[in-house]
Amino acid sequence: MAHYRAVVESTRSAEDAFAYLAEFHHVAEWDPGAARAQALDGPARRGARFEVVTLFRGREMPLTYEMTTFDPPRQFVVEASNGRVKSVDTITVEPRDGGSRVTYDARLIPEGIWIVLTPVFALAFQRIGRAAHEGLRNALRS
């Protein structure tokens, strides 16, 4: 399994940060690994789906994420699987004086024959995670 965890302090309120991030199609605005994204069936809620086309080693990999947890304005979880990998992203938002703290926890789990490439996924995912961390920090500036 590949794992990346990032914490971002923001001047945005917890409610505002959560509202922006939970509309998961915004991921393409802050994660350079996401080429494009769209909501498939309405606003963020448990069961909402989002199509995200990711870039991995120069190749496009479409993933359909489903919001499996939706607890505004505190936490949401989106999960996707395409037979090669399972992606689980947990975003937690905590109120802080003058803003919020956002924790982004991303896990990429190779599936099937792709399990043998776990070390490759883990190394690449660290680089991808660092870029997403920087993008998230920039997106959450007021």
N, C-alpha and C. Protein backbone atom coordinates (compact mmCIF):
# COMPACT_ATOMS: atom_id res chain seq x y z
N MET A 1 0.84 -1.18 0.00
CA MET A 1 0.00 0.00 0.00
C MET A 1 0.89 1.24 0.00
N ALA A 2 0.47 2.23 -0.77
CA ALA A 2 1.13 3.53 -0.77
C ALA A 2 0.28 4.47 0.08
N HIS A 3 0.96 5.31 0.86
CA HIS A 3 0.24 6.17 1.79
C HIS A 3 0.89 7.54 1.81
N TYR A 4 0.05 8.58 1.87
CA TYR A 4 0.55 9.93 2.03
C TYR A 4 -0.41 10.69 2.94
N ARG A 5 0.15 11.44 3.88
CA ARG A 5 -0.65 12.23 4.81
C ARG A 5 -0.10 13.64 4.84
N ALA A 6 -0.99 14.62 4.73
CA ALA A 6 -0.58 16.02 4.74
C ALA A 6 -1.51 16.80 5.66
N VAL A 7 -0.95 17.78 6.34
CA VAL A 7 -1.73 18.67 7.20
C VAL A 7 -1.51 20.09 6.71
N VAL A 8 -2.63 20.80 6.54
CA VAL A 8 -2.58 22.19 6.06
C VAL A 8 -3.34 23.07 7.03
N GLU A 9 -2.71 24.14 7.47
CA GLU A 9 -3.37 25.16 8.28
C GLU A 9 -3.94 26.20 7.32
N SER A 10 -5.19 26.59 7.52
CA SER A 10 -5.84 27.52 6.61
C SER A 10 -6.53 28.64 7.38
N THR A 11 -6.63 29.79 6.75
CA THR A 11 -7.39 30.89 7.35
C THR A 11 -8.88 30.76 7.02
N ARG A 12 -9.23 29.82 6.16
CA ARG A 12 -10.65 29.57 5.86
C ARG A 12 -11.31 28.91 7.06
N SER A 13 -12.58 29.22 7.27
CA SER A 13 -13.32 28.55 8.35
C SER A 13 -13.43 27.06 8.02
N ALA A 14 -13.67 26.26 9.05
CA ALA A 14 -13.85 24.82 8.84
C ALA A 14 -15.00 24.56 7.88
N GLU A 15 -16.08 25.32 8.02
CA GLU A 15 -17.25 25.13 7.16
C GLU A 15 -16.92 25.43 5.71
N ASP A 16 -16.18 26.51 5.48
CA ASP A 16 -15.83 26.91 4.12
C ASP A 16 -14.85 25.91 3.49
N ALA A 17 -13.83 25.51 4.26
CA ALA A 17 -12.85 24.55 3.75
C ALA A 17 -13.53 23.22 3.42
N PHE A 18 -14.40 22.77 4.32
CA PHE A 18 -15.10 21.50 4.09
C PHE A 18 -15.98 21.60 2.84
N ALA A 19 -16.75 22.68 2.73
CA ALA A 19 -17.66 22.84 1.59
C ALA A 19 -16.90 22.80 0.26
N TYR A 20 -15.75 23.45 0.21
CA TYR A 20 -14.94 23.46 -1.01
C TYR A 20 -14.40 22.06 -1.32
N LEU A 21 -13.79 21.42 -0.34
CA LEU A 21 -13.13 20.14 -0.58
C LEU A 21 -14.12 19.00 -0.81
N ALA A 22 -15.27 19.03 -0.13
CA ALA A 22 -16.24 17.95 -0.27
C ALA A 22 -16.85 17.91 -1.67
N GLU A 23 -16.88 19.05 -2.34
CA GLU A 23 -17.26 19.03 -3.76
C GLU A 23 -16.02 18.53 -4.49
N PHE A 24 -15.86 17.21 -4.50
CA PHE A 24 -14.58 16.58 -4.83
C PHE A 24 -14.13 16.83 -6.27
N HIS A 25 -15.01 17.34 -7.12
CA HIS A 25 -14.56 17.68 -8.46
C HIS A 25 -13.53 18.82 -8.43
N HIS A 26 -13.46 19.54 -7.31
CA HIS A 26 -12.44 20.58 -7.15
C HIS A 26 -11.04 19.99 -7.03
N VAL A 27 -10.92 18.68 -6.86
CA VAL A 27 -9.61 18.06 -6.72
C VAL A 27 -8.70 18.42 -7.89
N ALA A 28 -9.26 18.59 -9.07
CA ALA A 28 -8.44 18.93 -10.24
C ALA A 28 -7.85 20.34 -10.13
N GLU A 29 -8.39 21.17 -9.26
CA GLU A 29 -7.87 22.52 -9.05
C GLU A 29 -6.64 22.53 -8.15
N TRP A 30 -6.52 21.54 -7.27
CA TRP A 30 -5.42 21.57 -6.31
C TRP A 30 -4.48 20.37 -6.38
N ASP A 31 -4.87 19.29 -7.03
CA ASP A 31 -4.01 18.11 -7.12
C ASP A 31 -3.47 17.99 -8.54
N PRO A 32 -2.19 18.25 -8.76
CA PRO A 32 -1.64 18.16 -10.11
C PRO A 32 -1.72 16.75 -10.70
N GLY A 33 -1.96 15.75 -9.87
CA GLY A 33 -2.12 14.38 -10.36
C GLY A 33 -3.49 14.12 -10.94
N ALA A 34 -4.41 15.07 -10.78
CA ALA A 34 -5.77 14.94 -11.34
C ALA A 34 -5.87 15.83 -12.57
N ALA A 35 -6.00 15.22 -13.74
CA ALA A 35 -6.07 15.99 -14.98
C ALA A 35 -7.40 16.72 -15.10
N ARG A 36 -8.46 16.04 -14.70
CA ARG A 36 -9.80 16.65 -14.74
C ARG A 36 -10.72 15.86 -13.83
N ALA A 37 -11.81 16.51 -13.44
CA ALA A 37 -12.77 15.86 -12.54
C ALA A 37 -14.14 16.48 -12.73
N GLN A 38 -15.16 15.68 -12.46
CA GLN A 38 -16.53 16.19 -12.55
C GLN A 38 -17.43 15.44 -11.59
N ALA A 39 -18.43 16.15 -11.09
CA ALA A 39 -19.46 15.51 -10.27
C ALA A 39 -20.37 14.73 -11.22
N LEU A 40 -20.74 13.52 -10.84
CA LEU A 40 -21.58 12.69 -11.71
C LEU A 40 -23.05 12.77 -11.36
N ASP A 41 -23.36 13.07 -10.11
CA ASP A 41 -24.77 13.03 -9.72
C ASP A 41 -25.12 13.98 -8.60
N GLY A 42 -24.79 15.24 -8.80
CA GLY A 42 -25.24 16.25 -7.85
C GLY A 42 -24.22 16.61 -6.80
N PRO A 43 -24.67 17.35 -5.79
CA PRO A 43 -23.76 17.88 -4.77
C PRO A 43 -23.22 16.80 -3.84
N ALA A 44 -22.22 17.19 -3.06
CA ALA A 44 -21.59 16.28 -2.11
C ALA A 44 -22.60 15.76 -1.09
N ARG A 45 -22.55 14.47 -0.89
CA ARG A 45 -23.39 13.78 0.10
C ARG A 45 -22.91 12.34 0.12
N ARG A 46 -23.34 11.58 1.09
CA ARG A 46 -23.00 10.16 1.11
C ARG A 46 -23.60 9.53 -0.14
N GLY A 47 -22.79 8.77 -0.88
CA GLY A 47 -23.23 8.13 -2.11
C GLY A 47 -22.95 8.93 -3.37
N ALA A 48 -22.59 10.21 -3.24
CA ALA A 48 -22.28 11.02 -4.43
C ALA A 48 -21.07 10.43 -5.14
N ARG A 49 -21.07 10.55 -6.47
CA ARG A 49 -19.97 10.01 -7.26
C ARG A 49 -19.29 11.12 -8.05
N PHE A 50 -17.99 10.96 -8.22
CA PHE A 50 -17.17 11.93 -8.93
C PHE A 50 -16.23 11.17 -9.85
N GLU A 51 -16.16 11.59 -11.10
CA GLU A 51 -15.19 10.99 -12.02
C GLU A 51 -13.93 11.84 -11.99
N VAL A 52 -12.81 11.18 -11.70
CA VAL A 52 -11.52 11.86 -11.65
C VAL A 52 -10.58 11.13 -12.60
N VAL A 53 -10.02 11.86 -13.54
CA VAL A 53 -9.02 11.28 -14.44
C VAL A 53 -7.66 11.67 -13.88
N THR A 54 -6.94 10.68 -13.40
CA THR A 54 -5.64 10.92 -12.79
C THR A 54 -4.54 10.68 -13.81
N LEU A 55 -3.39 11.25 -13.52
CA LEU A 55 -2.20 11.03 -14.34
C LEU A 55 -1.21 10.24 -13.52
N PHE A 56 -0.78 9.10 -14.03
CA PHE A 56 0.21 8.29 -13.33
C PHE A 56 1.24 7.85 -14.34
N ARG A 57 2.45 8.35 -14.17
CA ARG A 57 3.56 8.04 -15.07
C ARG A 57 3.21 8.37 -16.52
N GLY A 58 2.56 9.52 -16.70
CA GLY A 58 2.23 9.99 -18.04
C GLY A 58 0.99 9.38 -18.67
N ARG A 59 0.32 8.50 -17.95
CA ARG A 59 -0.87 7.85 -18.49
C ARG A 59 -2.10 8.31 -17.73
N GLU A 60 -3.20 8.45 -18.47
CA GLU A 60 -4.47 8.79 -17.83
C GLU A 60 -5.11 7.54 -17.26
N MET A 61 -5.61 7.66 -16.03
CA MET A 61 -6.28 6.56 -15.37
C MET A 61 -7.59 7.09 -14.79
N PRO A 62 -8.72 6.76 -15.43
CA PRO A 62 -10.00 7.24 -14.89
C PRO A 62 -10.41 6.45 -13.65
N LEU A 63 -10.91 7.17 -12.67
CA LEU A 63 -11.41 6.56 -11.44
C LEU A 63 -12.76 7.20 -11.11
N THR A 64 -13.72 6.37 -10.73
CA THR A 64 -15.00 6.88 -10.27
C THR A 64 -15.01 6.76 -8.75
N TYR A 65 -14.96 7.90 -8.09
CA TYR A 65 -14.96 7.95 -6.63
C TYR A 65 -16.38 7.99 -6.12
N GLU A 66 -16.61 7.31 -5.01
CA GLU A 66 -17.88 7.41 -4.30
C GLU A 66 -17.62 7.94 -2.91
N MET A 67 -18.44 8.88 -2.47
CA MET A 67 -18.32 9.42 -1.13
C MET A 67 -18.96 8.43 -0.17
N THR A 68 -18.12 7.75 0.61
CA THR A 68 -18.61 6.70 1.51
C THR A 68 -18.89 7.21 2.91
N THR A 69 -18.29 8.34 3.26
CA THR A 69 -18.54 9.00 4.54
C THR A 69 -18.75 10.48 4.26
N PHE A 70 -19.77 11.06 4.87
CA PHE A 70 -20.04 12.48 4.70
C PHE A 70 -20.55 13.01 6.02
N ASP A 71 -19.68 13.71 6.76
CA ASP A 71 -19.99 14.21 8.09
C ASP A 71 -19.60 15.69 8.17
N PRO A 72 -20.41 16.57 7.55
CA PRO A 72 -20.04 17.99 7.53
C PRO A 72 -20.14 18.64 8.90
N PRO A 73 -19.29 19.58 9.19
CA PRO A 73 -18.15 20.05 8.41
C PRO A 73 -16.85 19.41 8.87
N ARG A 74 -16.92 18.15 9.29
CA ARG A 74 -15.77 17.51 9.92
C ARG A 74 -14.97 16.59 9.00
N GLN A 75 -15.63 15.66 8.32
CA GLN A 75 -14.87 14.65 7.59
C GLN A 75 -15.68 14.07 6.43
N PHE A 76 -14.95 13.72 5.37
CA PHE A 76 -15.54 12.91 4.31
C PHE A 76 -14.49 11.94 3.80
N VAL A 77 -14.98 10.85 3.22
CA VAL A 77 -14.11 9.82 2.64
C VAL A 77 -14.63 9.54 1.24
N VAL A 78 -13.71 9.49 0.28
CA VAL A 78 -14.05 9.08 -1.08
C VAL A 78 -13.20 7.87 -1.42
N GLU A 79 -13.82 6.90 -2.10
CA GLU A 79 -13.14 5.67 -2.47
C GLU A 79 -13.39 5.35 -3.94
N ALA A 80 -12.37 4.78 -4.58
CA ALA A 80 -12.49 4.36 -5.97
C ALA A 80 -11.67 3.09 -6.18
N SER A 81 -12.08 2.29 -7.15
CA SER A 81 -11.34 1.09 -7.52
C SER A 81 -11.54 0.86 -9.01
N ASN A 82 -10.46 0.49 -9.70
CA ASN A 82 -10.58 0.21 -11.13
C ASN A 82 -10.00 -1.14 -11.53
N GLY A 83 -9.78 -2.02 -10.56
CA GLY A 83 -9.20 -3.33 -10.86
C GLY A 83 -7.69 -3.34 -10.79
N ARG A 84 -7.07 -2.19 -10.92
CA ARG A 84 -5.62 -2.07 -10.78
C ARG A 84 -5.25 -1.55 -9.40
N VAL A 85 -6.00 -0.52 -8.98
CA VAL A 85 -5.74 0.09 -7.68
C VAL A 85 -7.05 0.46 -7.01
N LYS A 86 -6.98 0.51 -5.69
CA LYS A 86 -8.07 1.07 -4.89
C LYS A 86 -7.51 2.33 -4.25
N SER A 87 -8.26 3.41 -4.34
CA SER A 87 -7.86 4.68 -3.76
C SER A 87 -8.84 5.04 -2.66
N VAL A 88 -8.31 5.40 -1.49
CA VAL A 88 -9.13 5.83 -0.36
C VAL A 88 -8.56 7.15 0.14
N ASP A 89 -9.34 8.21 0.01
CA ASP A 89 -8.93 9.54 0.47
C ASP A 89 -9.84 9.97 1.60
N THR A 90 -9.24 10.31 2.73
CA THR A 90 -9.97 10.81 3.89
C THR A 90 -9.54 12.24 4.15
N ILE A 91 -10.50 13.14 4.18
CA ILE A 91 -10.20 14.54 4.47
C ILE A 91 -10.95 14.93 5.74
N THR A 92 -10.17 15.39 6.72
CA THR A 92 -10.70 15.78 8.01
C THR A 92 -10.44 17.26 8.21
N VAL A 93 -11.45 17.98 8.65
CA VAL A 93 -11.34 19.43 8.86
C VAL A 93 -11.65 19.73 10.32
N GLU A 94 -10.74 20.45 10.97
CA GLU A 94 -10.92 20.83 12.38
C GLU A 94 -10.92 22.35 12.48
N PRO A 95 -11.86 22.91 13.24
CA PRO A 95 -11.83 24.37 13.45
C PRO A 95 -10.62 24.75 14.31
N ARG A 96 -10.03 25.88 13.99
CA ARG A 96 -8.92 26.45 14.74
C ARG A 96 -9.18 27.94 14.87
N ASP A 97 -8.58 28.55 15.89
CA ASP A 97 -8.71 30.01 16.02
C ASP A 97 -8.25 30.66 14.72
N GLY A 98 -9.13 31.43 14.12
CA GLY A 98 -8.78 32.13 12.90
C GLY A 98 -8.78 31.28 11.66
N GLY A 99 -9.33 30.08 11.71
CA GLY A 99 -9.34 29.25 10.51
C GLY A 99 -9.61 27.79 10.77
N SER A 100 -8.84 26.95 10.09
CA SER A 100 -9.06 25.51 10.21
C SER A 100 -7.77 24.74 9.94
N ARG A 101 -7.78 23.49 10.33
CA ARG A 101 -6.70 22.56 10.03
C ARG A 101 -7.31 21.44 9.19
N VAL A 102 -6.72 21.20 8.02
CA VAL A 102 -7.19 20.16 7.11
C VAL A 102 -6.15 19.05 7.06
N THR A 103 -6.59 17.83 7.31
CA THR A 103 -5.72 16.67 7.19
C THR A 103 -6.19 15.85 6.00
N TYR A 104 -5.26 15.63 5.09
CA TYR A 104 -5.52 14.86 3.87
C TYR A 104 -4.76 13.55 3.99
N ASP A 105 -5.49 12.45 4.04
CA ASP A 105 -4.89 11.13 4.18
C ASP A 105 -5.27 10.31 2.95
N ALA A 106 -4.28 9.98 2.13
CA ALA A 106 -4.53 9.27 0.88
C ALA A 106 -3.83 7.92 0.91
N ARG A 107 -4.58 6.89 0.51
CA ARG A 107 -4.03 5.54 0.43
C ARG A 107 -4.30 4.98 -0.96
N LEU A 108 -3.29 4.38 -1.54
CA LEU A 108 -3.40 3.75 -2.85
C LEU A 108 -3.00 2.29 -2.68
N ILE A 109 -3.95 1.40 -2.93
CA ILE A 109 -3.75 -0.02 -2.67
C ILE A 109 -3.78 -0.77 -4.00
N PRO A 110 -2.63 -1.28 -4.46
CA PRO A 110 -2.63 -2.06 -5.70
C PRO A 110 -3.49 -3.31 -5.55
N GLU A 111 -4.15 -3.69 -6.65
CA GLU A 111 -5.03 -4.86 -6.64
C GLU A 111 -4.58 -5.86 -7.71
N GLY A 112 -4.94 -7.11 -7.50
CA GLY A 112 -4.66 -8.15 -8.49
C GLY A 112 -3.17 -8.28 -8.76
N ILE A 113 -2.84 -8.46 -10.04
CA ILE A 113 -1.42 -8.65 -10.39
C ILE A 113 -0.59 -7.40 -10.13
N TRP A 114 -1.24 -6.27 -9.95
CA TRP A 114 -0.53 -5.01 -9.71
C TRP A 114 0.10 -4.95 -8.32
N ILE A 115 -0.25 -5.90 -7.45
CA ILE A 115 0.33 -5.93 -6.10
C ILE A 115 1.86 -6.01 -6.16
N VAL A 116 2.39 -6.69 -7.17
CA VAL A 116 3.85 -6.82 -7.27
C VAL A 116 4.53 -5.47 -7.47
N LEU A 117 3.78 -4.48 -7.92
CA LEU A 117 4.35 -3.15 -8.14
C LEU A 117 4.18 -2.21 -6.95
N THR A 118 3.81 -2.76 -5.80
CA THR A 118 3.59 -1.93 -4.61
C THR A 118 4.76 -1.00 -4.31
N PRO A 119 6.03 -1.47 -4.35
CA PRO A 119 7.13 -0.54 -4.07
C PRO A 119 7.21 0.63 -5.06
N VAL A 120 6.90 0.37 -6.32
CA VAL A 120 6.92 1.43 -7.33
C VAL A 120 5.81 2.43 -7.04
N PHE A 121 4.61 1.91 -6.75
CA PHE A 121 3.49 2.79 -6.40
C PHE A 121 3.84 3.64 -5.18
N ALA A 122 4.45 3.03 -4.18
CA ALA A 122 4.76 3.75 -2.94
C ALA A 122 5.73 4.90 -3.20
N LEU A 123 6.76 4.67 -3.99
CA LEU A 123 7.72 5.74 -4.29
C LEU A 123 7.07 6.87 -5.10
N ALA A 124 6.35 6.50 -6.14
CA ALA A 124 5.70 7.51 -6.98
C ALA A 124 4.65 8.29 -6.19
N PHE A 125 3.96 7.60 -5.28
CA PHE A 125 2.88 8.23 -4.53
C PHE A 125 3.41 9.30 -3.58
N GLN A 126 4.63 9.15 -3.09
CA GLN A 126 5.22 10.18 -2.23
C GLN A 126 5.41 11.48 -3.02
N ARG A 127 5.91 11.37 -4.24
CA ARG A 127 6.09 12.54 -5.10
C ARG A 127 4.75 13.18 -5.44
N ILE A 128 3.79 12.35 -5.81
CA ILE A 128 2.44 12.83 -6.13
C ILE A 128 1.81 13.50 -4.91
N GLY A 129 1.99 12.89 -3.75
CA GLY A 129 1.43 13.43 -2.51
C GLY A 129 2.01 14.79 -2.15
N ARG A 130 3.32 14.95 -2.33
CA ARG A 130 3.94 16.24 -2.04
C ARG A 130 3.38 17.35 -2.94
N ALA A 131 3.17 17.02 -4.21
CA ALA A 131 2.60 18.01 -5.14
C ALA A 131 1.16 18.35 -4.75
N ALA A 132 0.39 17.35 -4.36
CA ALA A 132 -0.99 17.59 -3.93
C ALA A 132 -1.02 18.42 -2.65
N HIS A 133 -0.08 18.16 -1.74
CA HIS A 133 0.02 18.91 -0.49
C HIS A 133 0.22 20.40 -0.79
N GLU A 134 1.15 20.70 -1.69
CA GLU A 134 1.41 22.09 -2.05
C GLU A 134 0.19 22.71 -2.72
N GLY A 135 -0.46 21.97 -3.61
CA GLY A 135 -1.66 22.48 -4.27
C GLY A 135 -2.79 22.73 -3.29
N LEU A 136 -2.94 21.84 -2.32
CA LEU A 136 -3.98 21.99 -1.30
C LEU A 136 -3.70 23.23 -0.45
N ARG A 137 -2.46 23.41 -0.08
CA ARG A 137 -2.07 24.59 0.71
C ARG A 137 -2.43 25.87 -0.05
N ASN A 138 -2.12 25.91 -1.33
CA ASN A 138 -2.43 27.10 -2.14
C ASN A 138 -3.94 27.30 -2.30
N ALA A 139 -4.68 26.23 -2.49
CA ALA A 139 -6.13 26.33 -2.69
C ALA A 139 -6.85 26.81 -1.44
N LEU A 140 -6.30 26.50 -0.27
CA LEU A 140 -6.98 26.84 0.98
C LEU A 140 -6.57 28.20 1.54
N ARG A 141 -5.76 28.92 0.79
CA ARG A 141 -5.47 30.30 1.18
C ARG A 141 -6.72 31.13 0.95
N SER A 142 -6.95 32.09 1.80
CA SER A 142 -8.16 32.93 1.66
C SER A 142 -8.17 33.72 0.38
